[in-house]
C-alpha atoms as a PDB file:
ATOM      1  CA  MET A   1     160.357 -40.879 -17.911  1.00  0.00           C
ATOM      2  CA  ARG A   2     159.666 -43.334 -20.729  1.00  0.00           C
ATOM      3  CA  ASN A   3     162.665 -42.423 -22.899  1.00  0.00           C
ATOM      4  CA  PRO A   4     165.449 -42.654 -20.280  1.00  0.00           C
ATOM      5  CA  ILE A   5     163.989 -45.867 -18.844  1.00  0.00           C
ATOM      6  CA  VAL A   6     163.778 -47.572 -22.251  1.00  0.00           C
ATOM      7  CA  GLU A   7     167.209 -46.326 -23.279  1.00  0.00           C
ATOM      8  CA  ALA A   8     168.754 -47.505 -20.010  1.00  0.00           C
ATOM      9  CA  MET A   9     167.180 -50.960 -20.274  1.00  0.00           C
ATOM     10  CA  ALA A  10     168.245 -51.276 -23.916  1.00  0.00           C
ATOM     11  CA  GLY A  11     171.786 -50.210 -23.017  1.00  0.00           C
ATOM     12  CA  ILE A  12     171.986 -52.785 -20.223  1.00  0.00           C
ATOM     13  CA  LEU A  13     170.663 -55.508 -22.538  1.00  0.00           C
ATOM     14  CA  PHE A  14     173.078 -54.606 -25.346  1.00  0.00           C
ATOM     15  CA  ALA A  15     176.026 -54.517 -22.929  1.00  0.00           C
ATOM     16  CA  ALA A  16     175.056 -57.927 -21.516  1.00  0.00           C
ATOM     17  CA  LEU A  17     174.816 -59.370 -25.028  1.00  0.00           C
ATOM     18  CA  TYR A  18     178.251 -57.970 -25.895  1.00  0.00           C
ATOM     19  CA  LEU A  19     179.800 -59.418 -22.731  1.00  0.00           C
ATOM     20  CA  LYS A  20     178.276 -62.827 -23.528  1.00  0.00           C
ATOM     21  CA  TYR A  21     178.991 -63.056 -27.271  1.00  0.00           C
ATOM     22  CA  GLY A  22     181.686 -60.472 -28.020  1.00  0.00           C
ATOM     23  CA  LEU A  23     181.975 -59.027 -31.511  1.00  0.00           C
ATOM     24  CA  SER A  24     180.336 -61.753 -33.578  1.00  0.00           C
ATOM     25  CA  TRP A  25     177.572 -62.410 -36.083  1.00  0.00           C
ATOM     26  CA  THR A  26     175.521 -63.807 -33.204  1.00  0.00           C
ATOM     27  CA  LEU A  27     175.779 -60.453 -31.424  1.00  0.00           C
ATOM     28  CA  ALA A  28     174.806 -58.565 -34.586  1.00  0.00           C
ATOM     29  CA  ILE A  29     171.704 -60.716 -35.097  1.00  0.00           C
ATOM     30  CA  LEU A  30     170.676 -60.453 -31.447  1.00  0.00           C
ATOM     31  CA  LEU A  31     171.086 -56.678 -31.480  1.00  0.00           C
ATOM     32  CA  ILE A  32     168.772 -56.482 -34.498  1.00  0.00           C
ATOM     33  CA  TYR A  33     166.189 -58.812 -32.958  1.00  0.00           C
ATOM     34  CA  SER A  34     166.281 -57.182 -29.520  1.00  0.00           C
ATOM     35  CA  THR A  35     165.906 -53.697 -31.043  1.00  0.00           C
ATOM     36  CA  VAL A  36     162.807 -54.822 -32.959  1.00  0.00           C
ATOM     37  CA  LEU A  37     161.329 -56.456 -29.859  1.00  0.00           C
ATOM     38  CA  ILE A  38     161.982 -53.393 -27.690  1.00  0.00           C
ATOM     39  CA  ILE A  39     160.277 -51.106 -30.215  1.00  0.00           C
ATOM     40  CA  LEU A  40     157.252 -53.400 -30.492  1.00  0.00           C
ATOM     41  CA  PHE A  41     157.115 -53.866 -26.711  1.00  0.00           C
ATOM     42  CA  VAL A  42     156.943 -50.133 -26.038  1.00  0.00           C
ATOM     43  CA  THR A  43     154.585 -49.363 -28.927  1.00  0.00           C
ATOM     44  CA  ASP A  44     152.031 -52.000 -27.965  1.00  0.00           C
ATOM     45  CA  PHE A  45     152.335 -51.199 -24.257  1.00  0.00           C
ATOM     46  CA  GLU A  46     151.630 -47.505 -24.819  1.00  0.00           C
ATOM     47  CA  HIS A  47     149.288 -47.507 -27.811  1.00  0.00           C
ATOM     48  CA  PHE A  48     147.833 -51.058 -28.034  1.00  0.00           C
ATOM     49  CA  MET A  49     149.297 -51.160 -31.519  1.00  0.00           C
ATOM     50  CA  LEU A  50     151.830 -53.247 -33.450  1.00  0.00           C
ATOM     51  CA  PRO A  51     152.643 -51.205 -36.589  1.00  0.00           C
ATOM     52  CA  ASN A  52     152.518 -53.264 -39.795  1.00  0.00           C
ATOM     53  CA  ILE A  53     155.461 -51.346 -41.240  1.00  0.00           C
ATOM     54  CA  ILE A  54     157.652 -52.695 -38.427  1.00  0.00           C
ATOM     55  CA  THR A  55     156.279 -56.229 -38.136  1.00  0.00           C
ATOM     56  CA  TYR A  56     156.178 -57.002 -41.859  1.00  0.00           C
ATOM     57  CA  LEU A  57     159.628 -55.551 -42.556  1.00  0.00           C
ATOM     58  CA  SER A  58     160.929 -57.516 -39.569  1.00  0.00           C
ATOM     59  CA  LEU A  59     159.379 -60.699 -40.982  1.00  0.00           C
ATOM     60  CA  LEU A  60     161.290 -60.156 -44.207  1.00  0.00           C
ATOM     61  CA  LEU A  61     164.482 -59.335 -42.327  1.00  0.00           C
ATOM     62  CA  ALA A  62     164.216 -62.422 -40.099  1.00  0.00           C
ATOM     63  CA  ALA A  63     163.638 -64.633 -43.143  1.00  0.00           C
ATOM     64  CA  LEU A  64     166.693 -63.161 -44.881  1.00  0.00           C
ATOM     65  CA  ILE A  65     168.788 -63.685 -41.748  1.00  0.00           C
ATOM     66  CA  ALA A  66     167.648 -67.326 -41.547  1.00  0.00           C
ATOM     67  CA  LEU A  67     168.569 -67.779 -45.214  1.00  0.00           C
ATOM     68  CA  ALA A  68     172.000 -66.184 -44.712  1.00  0.00           C
ATOM     69  CA  VAL A  69     172.670 -68.311 -41.616  1.00  0.00           C
ATOM     70  CA  THR A  70     171.739 -71.451 -43.558  1.00  0.00           C
ATOM     71  CA  LEU A  71     173.854 -70.609 -46.612  1.00  0.00           C
ATOM     72  CA  ALA A  72     176.837 -69.679 -44.438  1.00  0.00           C
ATOM     73  CA  ARG A  73     176.313 -72.789 -42.280  1.00  0.00           C
ATOM     74  CA  TYR A  74     176.620 -70.545 -39.253  1.00  0.00           C
ATOM     75  CA  SER A  75     175.568 -72.070 -35.941  1.00  0.00           C
ATOM     76  CA  LEU A  76     173.370 -69.858 -33.783  1.00  0.00           C
ATOM     77  CA  PRO A  77     173.507 -70.639 -30.039  1.00  0.00           C
ATOM     78  CA  TRP A  78     169.710 -70.603 -29.704  1.00  0.00           C
ATOM     79  CA  SER A  79     169.005 -72.651 -32.830  1.00  0.00           C
ATOM     80  CA  LEU A  80     167.746 -76.154 -32.168  1.00  0.00           C
ATOM     81  CA  TYR A  81     167.583 -78.310 -35.263  1.00  0.00           C
ATOM     82  CA  TYR A  82     165.089 -81.118 -35.155  1.00  0.00           C
ATOM     83  CA  GLY A  83     167.725 -83.775 -35.826  1.00  0.00           C
ATOM     84  CA  GLY A  84     165.193 -86.054 -37.448  1.00  0.00           C
ATOM     85  CA  SER A  85     165.654 -88.627 -40.172  1.00  0.00           C
ATOM     86  CA  GLY A  86     163.650 -89.483 -43.253  1.00  0.00           C
ATOM     87  CA  PHE A  87     161.023 -86.854 -44.053  1.00  0.00           C
ATOM     88  CA  MET A  88     161.677 -85.009 -40.752  1.00  0.00           C
ATOM     89  CA  ALA A  89     165.300 -84.478 -41.817  1.00  0.00           C
ATOM     90  CA  VAL A  90     164.125 -81.358 -43.656  1.00  0.00           C
ATOM     91  CA  PHE A  91     164.073 -79.632 -40.269  1.00  0.00           C
ATOM     92  CA  ASN A  92     167.843 -80.113 -39.991  1.00  0.00           C
ATOM     93  CA  ASN A  93     168.010 -77.002 -42.178  1.00  0.00           C
ATOM     94  CA  PHE A  94     167.830 -73.787 -40.102  1.00  0.00           C
ATOM     95  CA  LEU A  95     165.902 -71.869 -42.752  1.00  0.00           C
ATOM     96  CA  LEU A  96     163.201 -74.546 -42.766  1.00  0.00           C
ATOM     97  CA  CYS A  97     163.266 -74.584 -38.955  1.00  0.00           C
ATOM     98  CA  ALA A  98     162.693 -70.830 -38.962  1.00  0.00           C
ATOM     99  CA  LEU A  99     159.886 -71.027 -41.533  1.00  0.00           C
ATOM    100  CA  ALA A 100     158.224 -73.875 -39.635  1.00  0.00           C
ATOM    101  CA  GLY A 101     158.499 -71.843 -36.443  1.00  0.00           C
ATOM    102  CA  GLY A 102     156.934 -68.838 -38.126  1.00  0.00           C
ATOM    103  CA  VAL A 103     154.012 -70.823 -39.498  1.00  0.00           C
ATOM    104  CA  CYS A 104     153.400 -72.607 -36.176  1.00  0.00           C
ATOM    105  CA  GLY A 105     153.552 -69.365 -34.190  1.00  0.00           C
ATOM    106  CA  ALA A 106     151.155 -67.534 -36.491  1.00  0.00           C
ATOM    107  CA  LEU A 107     148.666 -70.421 -36.718  1.00  0.00           C
ATOM    108  CA  LEU A 108     148.569 -70.972 -32.954  1.00  0.00           C
ATOM    109  CA  LEU A 109     147.885 -67.301 -32.253  1.00  0.00           C
ATOM    110  CA  LEU A 110     145.352 -67.188 -35.092  1.00  0.00           C
ATOM    111  CA  LEU A 111     143.523 -70.041 -33.377  1.00  0.00           C
ATOM    112  CA  VAL A 112     143.519 -68.039 -30.134  1.00  0.00           C
ATOM    113  CA  VAL A 113     142.173 -64.978 -31.981  1.00  0.00           C
ATOM    114  CA  VAL A 114     139.331 -67.033 -33.466  1.00  0.00           C
ATOM    115  CA  LEU A 115     138.459 -68.705 -30.155  1.00  0.00           C
ATOM    116  CA  SER A 116     138.683 -65.475 -28.148  1.00  0.00           C
ATOM    117  CA  LYS A 117     136.434 -63.662 -30.647  1.00  0.00           C
ATOM    118  CA  GLY A 118     138.456 -60.484 -30.714  1.00  0.00           C
ATOM    119  CA  GLY A 119     140.357 -60.860 -27.448  1.00  0.00           C
ATOM    120  CA  MET A 120     143.549 -60.550 -29.470  1.00  0.00           C
ATOM    121  CA  GLY A 121     144.341 -58.761 -32.693  1.00  0.00           C
ATOM    122  CA  MET A 122     145.934 -59.814 -35.959  1.00  0.00           C
ATOM    123  CA  GLY A 123     149.002 -57.816 -34.971  1.00  0.00           C
ATOM    124  CA  ASP A 124     149.646 -60.430 -32.280  1.00  0.00           C
ATOM    125  CA  VAL A 125     149.358 -63.166 -34.916  1.00  0.00           C
ATOM    126  CA  VAL A 126     151.986 -61.490 -37.107  1.00  0.00           C
ATOM    127  CA  LEU A 127     154.242 -60.940 -34.082  1.00  0.00           C
ATOM    128  CA  ALA A 128     153.938 -64.620 -33.123  1.00  0.00           C
ATOM    129  CA  GLY A 129     154.987 -65.535 -36.665  1.00  0.00           C
ATOM    130  CA  LEU A 130     157.935 -63.167 -36.356  1.00  0.00           C
ATOM    131  CA  LEU A 131     159.016 -64.802 -33.094  1.00  0.00           C
ATOM    132  CA  GLY A 132     158.805 -68.187 -34.788  1.00  0.00           C
ATOM    133  CA  LEU A 133     161.133 -66.991 -37.545  1.00  0.00           C
ATOM    134  CA  MET A 134     163.549 -65.648 -34.948  1.00  0.00           C
ATOM    135  CA  VAL A 135     163.754 -68.652 -32.628  1.00  0.00           C
ATOM    136  CA  GLY A 136     162.786 -71.437 -35.043  1.00  0.00           C
ATOM    137  CA  PHE A 137     161.036 -74.756 -34.525  1.00  0.00           C
ATOM    138  CA  PRO A 138     160.438 -76.133 -31.896  1.00  0.00           C
ATOM    139  CA  LEU A 139     161.548 -73.236 -29.659  1.00  0.00           C
ATOM    140  CA  VAL A 140     158.572 -71.205 -30.895  1.00  0.00           C
ATOM    141  CA  PHE A 141     156.470 -73.251 -28.458  1.00  0.00           C
ATOM    142  CA  VAL A 142     158.752 -72.178 -25.601  1.00  0.00           C
ATOM    143  CA  ALA A 143     158.383 -68.521 -26.603  1.00  0.00           C
ATOM    144  CA  LEU A 144     154.584 -68.747 -26.784  1.00  0.00           C
ATOM    145  CA  PHE A 145     154.326 -70.661 -23.510  1.00  0.00           C
ATOM    146  CA  LEU A 146     156.449 -68.067 -21.697  1.00  0.00           C
ATOM    147  CA  SER A 147     154.374 -65.274 -23.231  1.00  0.00           C
ATOM    148  CA  ILE A 148     151.067 -66.810 -22.124  1.00  0.00           C
ATOM    149  CA  LEU A 149     152.465 -67.610 -18.671  1.00  0.00           C
ATOM    150  CA  ALA A 150     153.751 -64.062 -18.134  1.00  0.00           C
ATOM    151  CA  GLY A 151     150.563 -62.523 -19.493  1.00  0.00           C
ATOM    152  CA  GLY A 152     148.404 -64.705 -17.270  1.00  0.00           C
ATOM    153  CA  ILE A 153     150.378 -63.904 -14.124  1.00  0.00           C
ATOM    154  CA  VAL A 154     150.312 -60.148 -14.789  1.00  0.00           C
ATOM    155  CA  ALA A 155     146.587 -60.233 -15.619  1.00  0.00           C
ATOM    156  CA  VAL A 156     145.774 -62.047 -12.357  1.00  0.00           C
ATOM    157  CA  VAL A 157     147.897 -59.611 -10.320  1.00  0.00           C
ATOM    158  CA  LEU A 158     146.236 -56.592 -11.970  1.00  0.00           C
ATOM    159  CA  LEU A 159     142.747 -58.010 -11.395  1.00  0.00           C
ATOM    160  CA  ILE A 160     143.411 -58.853  -7.748  1.00  0.00           C
ATOM    161  CA  SER A 161     144.986 -55.463  -7.080  1.00  0.00           C
ATOM    162  CA  GLY A 162     142.095 -53.662  -8.763  1.00  0.00           C
ATOM    163  CA  ARG A 163     144.351 -51.967 -11.323  1.00  0.00           C
ATOM    164  CA  LYS A 164     142.384 -53.590 -14.147  1.00  0.00           C
ATOM    165  CA  LYS A 165     138.781 -54.656 -14.446  1.00  0.00           C
ATOM    166  CA  ARG A 166     137.634 -57.901 -16.024  1.00  0.00           C
ATOM    167  CA  LYS A 167     136.518 -56.305 -19.303  1.00  0.00           C
ATOM    168  CA  GLU A 168     139.557 -54.028 -19.704  1.00  0.00           C
ATOM    169  CA  MET A 169     142.040 -54.834 -22.451  1.00  0.00           C
ATOM    170  CA  LEU A 170     145.620 -55.830 -21.720  1.00  0.00           C
ATOM    171  CA  PRO A 171     148.099 -55.699 -24.624  1.00  0.00           C
ATOM    172  CA  PHE A 172     149.606 -59.107 -25.345  1.00  0.00           C
ATOM    173  CA  GLY A 173     152.411 -57.858 -27.600  1.00  0.00           C
ATOM    174  CA  PRO A 174     154.759 -56.942 -24.716  1.00  0.00           C
ATOM    175  CA  PHE A 175     154.473 -60.466 -23.326  1.00  0.00           C
ATOM    176  CA  LEU A 176     155.211 -61.957 -26.755  1.00  0.00           C
ATOM    177  CA  CYS A 177     158.296 -59.741 -27.010  1.00  0.00           C
ATOM    178  CA  LEU A 178     159.418 -60.749 -23.528  1.00  0.00           C
ATOM    179  CA  GLY A 179     158.857 -64.458 -24.236  1.00  0.00           C
ATOM    180  CA  GLY A 180     160.751 -64.161 -27.515  1.00  0.00           C
ATOM    181  CA  MET A 181     163.747 -62.430 -25.930  1.00  0.00           C
ATOM    182  CA  VAL A 182     163.969 -64.944 -23.085  1.00  0.00           C
ATOM    183  CA  THR A 183     163.774 -67.793 -25.601  1.00  0.00           C
ATOM    184  CA  LEU A 184     166.554 -66.287 -27.730  1.00  0.00           C
ATOM    185  CA  LEU A 185     168.778 -66.194 -24.649  1.00  0.00           C
ATOM    186  CA  TRP A 186     167.806 -69.316 -22.688  1.00  0.00           C
ATOM    187  CA  GLY A 187     165.279 -71.229 -24.794  1.00  0.00           C
ATOM    188  CA  ILE A 188     167.353 -74.393 -25.225  1.00  0.00           C
ATOM    189  CA  GLU A 189     168.116 -74.571 -21.493  1.00  0.00           C
ATOM    190  CA  LEU A 190     164.451 -74.061 -20.572  1.00  0.00           C
ATOM    191  CA  LEU A 191     163.303 -76.704 -23.055  1.00  0.00           C
ATOM    192  CA  GLY A 192     165.924 -79.137 -21.778  1.00  0.00           C
ATOM    193  CA  TRP A 193     164.848 -78.520 -18.171  1.00  0.00           C
ATOM    194  CA  TYR A 194     161.188 -79.064 -19.055  1.00  0.00           C
ATOM    195  CA  LEU A 195     161.880 -82.305 -20.951  1.00  0.00           C
ATOM    196  CA  SER A 196     163.991 -83.588 -18.032  1.00  0.00           C
ATOM    197  CA  LEU A 197     160.864 -83.537 -15.832  1.00  0.00           C
ATOM    198  CA  PHE A 198     159.390 -86.469 -17.763  1.00  0.00           C
END
């Protein structure tokens, strides 16, 4: 049942993206990103594995897309430039926003890997860097927060229901993919809502 379910969900997602953005460069970029995230979601969910051939090529592709967007001065609906002045004005450039997001995402997950002593793998670190390149700075923090929140909720439900035991592994890649996709679609709105609470 895996194939028809994944194909149906991908078809629904692609159709929703088309209805929202029409034929545009934004749609093309989102179709590329969502395809990568779907593949990584399913692969890690089934095999506890994030293939380097996919993640590293996707890193290169995301960097090239960020460069093309910057050179073309194309405005992506999920991009959130820092809007700073002085030294922080460098983040007004989307390519630098994307690179900063990639570095922040990878370093934060690397810290988790070190502290958890093997609870996560380096594949998750690379995927977090990829998400950072996709969504940029500071939305990478939204993506990681959503990923950790979703992973925590699912882990608690599985433990309470007895489906998983305390020492059993739970792949984190699917939650990173989910957090990244949600951030691409509604990251700015979620960040704005969160900031309005203070």
